[in-house]
Amino acid sequence: MNEVVFVSVLTCPYCGFAQRETMPADACQFFYECLRCHARLRPRPGDCCVFCSYGSAPCPPIQLARRGGSAQTG
């Protein structure tokens, strides 16, 4: 079984700036401000958080749900 990924690279859909961020282990992050253009990112329709919409990896709760696992970490 693969381990949960806690780091994702968020890419701004407006300016293309990419930033490596640590994702919360037990929650979805609904807002994110781009460090370059200061756009306030929100999830696309159907996604739970900005990491699922603009990240290189989905958030940990979604990773676990796709595997049928629990939200245990560590």
C-alpha atoms as a PDB file:
ATOM      1  CA  MET A   1       0.000   0.000   0.000  1.00  0.00           C
ATOM      2  CA  ASN A   2       1.333   3.447  -0.914  1.00  0.00           C
ATOM      3  CA  GLU A   3       1.880   6.017   1.822  1.00  0.00           C
ATOM      4  CA  VAL A   4      -0.097   9.232   2.001  1.00  0.00           C
ATOM      5  CA  VAL A   5       1.623  12.194   0.345  1.00  0.00           C
ATOM      6  CA  PHE A   6       1.609  15.359   2.454  1.00  0.00           C
ATOM      7  CA  VAL A   7       3.457  17.690   0.073  1.00  0.00           C
ATOM      8  CA  SER A   8       1.945  19.057  -3.117  1.00  0.00           C
ATOM      9  CA  VAL A   9       3.013  21.653  -5.657  1.00  0.00           C
ATOM     10  CA  LEU A  10       0.195  24.149  -6.155  1.00  0.00           C
ATOM     11  CA  THR A  11       0.193  25.842  -9.572  1.00  0.00           C
ATOM     12  CA  CYS A  12      -1.728  29.091  -9.963  1.00  0.00           C
ATOM     13  CA  PRO A  13      -4.113  28.876 -12.933  1.00  0.00           C
ATOM     14  CA  TYR A  14      -3.787  32.636 -13.502  1.00  0.00           C
ATOM     15  CA  CYS A  15      -0.033  33.275 -13.577  1.00  0.00           C
ATOM     16  CA  GLY A  16       1.462  29.760 -13.590  1.00  0.00           C
ATOM     17  CA  PHE A  17       3.496  30.267 -10.404  1.00  0.00           C
ATOM     18  CA  ALA A  18       4.178  26.954  -8.645  1.00  0.00           C
ATOM     19  CA  GLN A  19       4.761  26.672  -4.899  1.00  0.00           C
ATOM     20  CA  ARG A  20       5.500  23.572  -2.820  1.00  0.00           C
ATOM     21  CA  GLU A  21       3.132  23.381   0.164  1.00  0.00           C
ATOM     22  CA  THR A  22       2.466  20.965   3.010  1.00  0.00           C
ATOM     23  CA  MET A  23      -1.135  19.788   3.072  1.00  0.00           C
ATOM     24  CA  PRO A  24      -3.193  19.468   6.250  1.00  0.00           C
ATOM     25  CA  ALA A  25      -3.396  15.823   7.314  1.00  0.00           C
ATOM     26  CA  ASP A  26      -7.032  15.791   8.349  1.00  0.00           C
ATOM     27  CA  ALA A  27      -8.766  18.631   6.525  1.00  0.00           C
ATOM     28  CA  CYS A  28      -9.354  20.133   3.113  1.00  0.00           C
ATOM     29  CA  GLN A  29      -7.999  23.617   2.391  1.00  0.00           C
ATOM     30  CA  PHE A  30     -10.653  25.700   0.679  1.00  0.00           C
ATOM     31  CA  PHE A  31      -8.666  28.908  -0.035  1.00  0.00           C
ATOM     32  CA  TYR A  32      -5.100  29.648  -1.096  1.00  0.00           C
ATOM     33  CA  GLU A  33      -3.494  32.956  -2.085  1.00  0.00           C
ATOM     34  CA  CYS A  34      -0.949  32.826  -4.893  1.00  0.00           C
ATOM     35  CA  LEU A  35       2.353  34.208  -3.669  1.00  0.00           C
ATOM     36  CA  ARG A  36       3.091  35.888  -7.026  1.00  0.00           C
ATOM     37  CA  CYS A  37      -0.146  37.406  -8.357  1.00  0.00           C
ATOM     38  CA  HIS A  38      -2.123  37.251  -5.059  1.00  0.00           C
ATOM     39  CA  ALA A  39      -5.135  35.621  -6.699  1.00  0.00           C
ATOM     40  CA  ARG A  40      -7.359  33.879  -4.173  1.00  0.00           C
ATOM     41  CA  LEU A  41      -7.761  30.320  -5.390  1.00  0.00           C
ATOM     42  CA  ARG A  42     -10.845  28.256  -4.620  1.00  0.00           C
ATOM     43  CA  PRO A  43     -11.539  24.656  -5.582  1.00  0.00           C
ATOM     44  CA  ARG A  44     -13.028  23.949  -8.997  1.00  0.00           C
ATOM     45  CA  PRO A  45     -16.608  22.646  -8.968  1.00  0.00           C
ATOM     46  CA  GLY A  46     -16.615  19.031  -7.802  1.00  0.00           C
ATOM     47  CA  ASP A  47     -13.267  19.252  -5.954  1.00  0.00           C
ATOM     48  CA  CYS A  48     -13.054  19.454  -2.180  1.00  0.00           C
ATOM     49  CA  CYS A  49     -10.017  21.729  -1.925  1.00  0.00           C
ATOM     50  CA  VAL A  50      -7.355  23.738  -3.734  1.00  0.00           C
ATOM     51  CA  PHE A  51      -4.907  20.816  -3.625  1.00  0.00           C
ATOM     52  CA  CYS A  52      -7.360  18.584  -5.490  1.00  0.00           C
ATOM     53  CA  SER A  53      -7.886  21.325  -8.089  1.00  0.00           C
ATOM     54  CA  TYR A  54      -4.418  22.820  -8.571  1.00  0.00           C
ATOM     55  CA  GLY A  55      -1.959  20.540  -6.788  1.00  0.00           C
ATOM     56  CA  SER A  56       0.378  17.813  -7.924  1.00  0.00           C
ATOM     57  CA  ALA A  57      -1.293  15.469  -5.414  1.00  0.00           C
ATOM     58  CA  PRO A  58      -4.823  15.386  -3.989  1.00  0.00           C
ATOM     59  CA  CYS A  59      -5.308  16.185  -0.303  1.00  0.00           C
ATOM     60  CA  PRO A  60      -4.673  13.408   2.265  1.00  0.00           C
ATOM     61  CA  PRO A  61      -8.383  12.842   3.087  1.00  0.00           C
ATOM     62  CA  ILE A  62      -9.098  12.208  -0.606  1.00  0.00           C
ATOM     63  CA  GLN A  63      -6.027   9.986  -0.981  1.00  0.00           C
ATOM     64  CA  LEU A  64      -7.272   7.891   1.937  1.00  0.00           C
ATOM     65  CA  ALA A  65     -10.856   7.808   0.696  1.00  0.00           C
ATOM     66  CA  ARG A  66      -9.696   6.532  -2.699  1.00  0.00           C
ATOM     67  CA  ARG A  67      -7.868   3.699  -0.949  1.00  0.00           C
ATOM     68  CA  GLY A  68     -10.759   2.938   1.378  1.00  0.00           C
ATOM     69  CA  GLY A  69      -8.586   3.759   4.385  1.00  0.00           C
ATOM     70  CA  SER A  70      -9.015   5.725   7.547  1.00  0.00           C
ATOM     71  CA  ALA A  71      -7.608   9.152   8.377  1.00  0.00           C
ATOM     72  CA  GLN A  72      -4.809   7.800  10.572  1.00  0.00           C
ATOM     73  CA  THR A  73      -1.433   9.434  10.111  1.00  0.00           C
ATOM     74  CA  GLY A  74       2.043   8.943  11.385  1.00  0.00           C
END
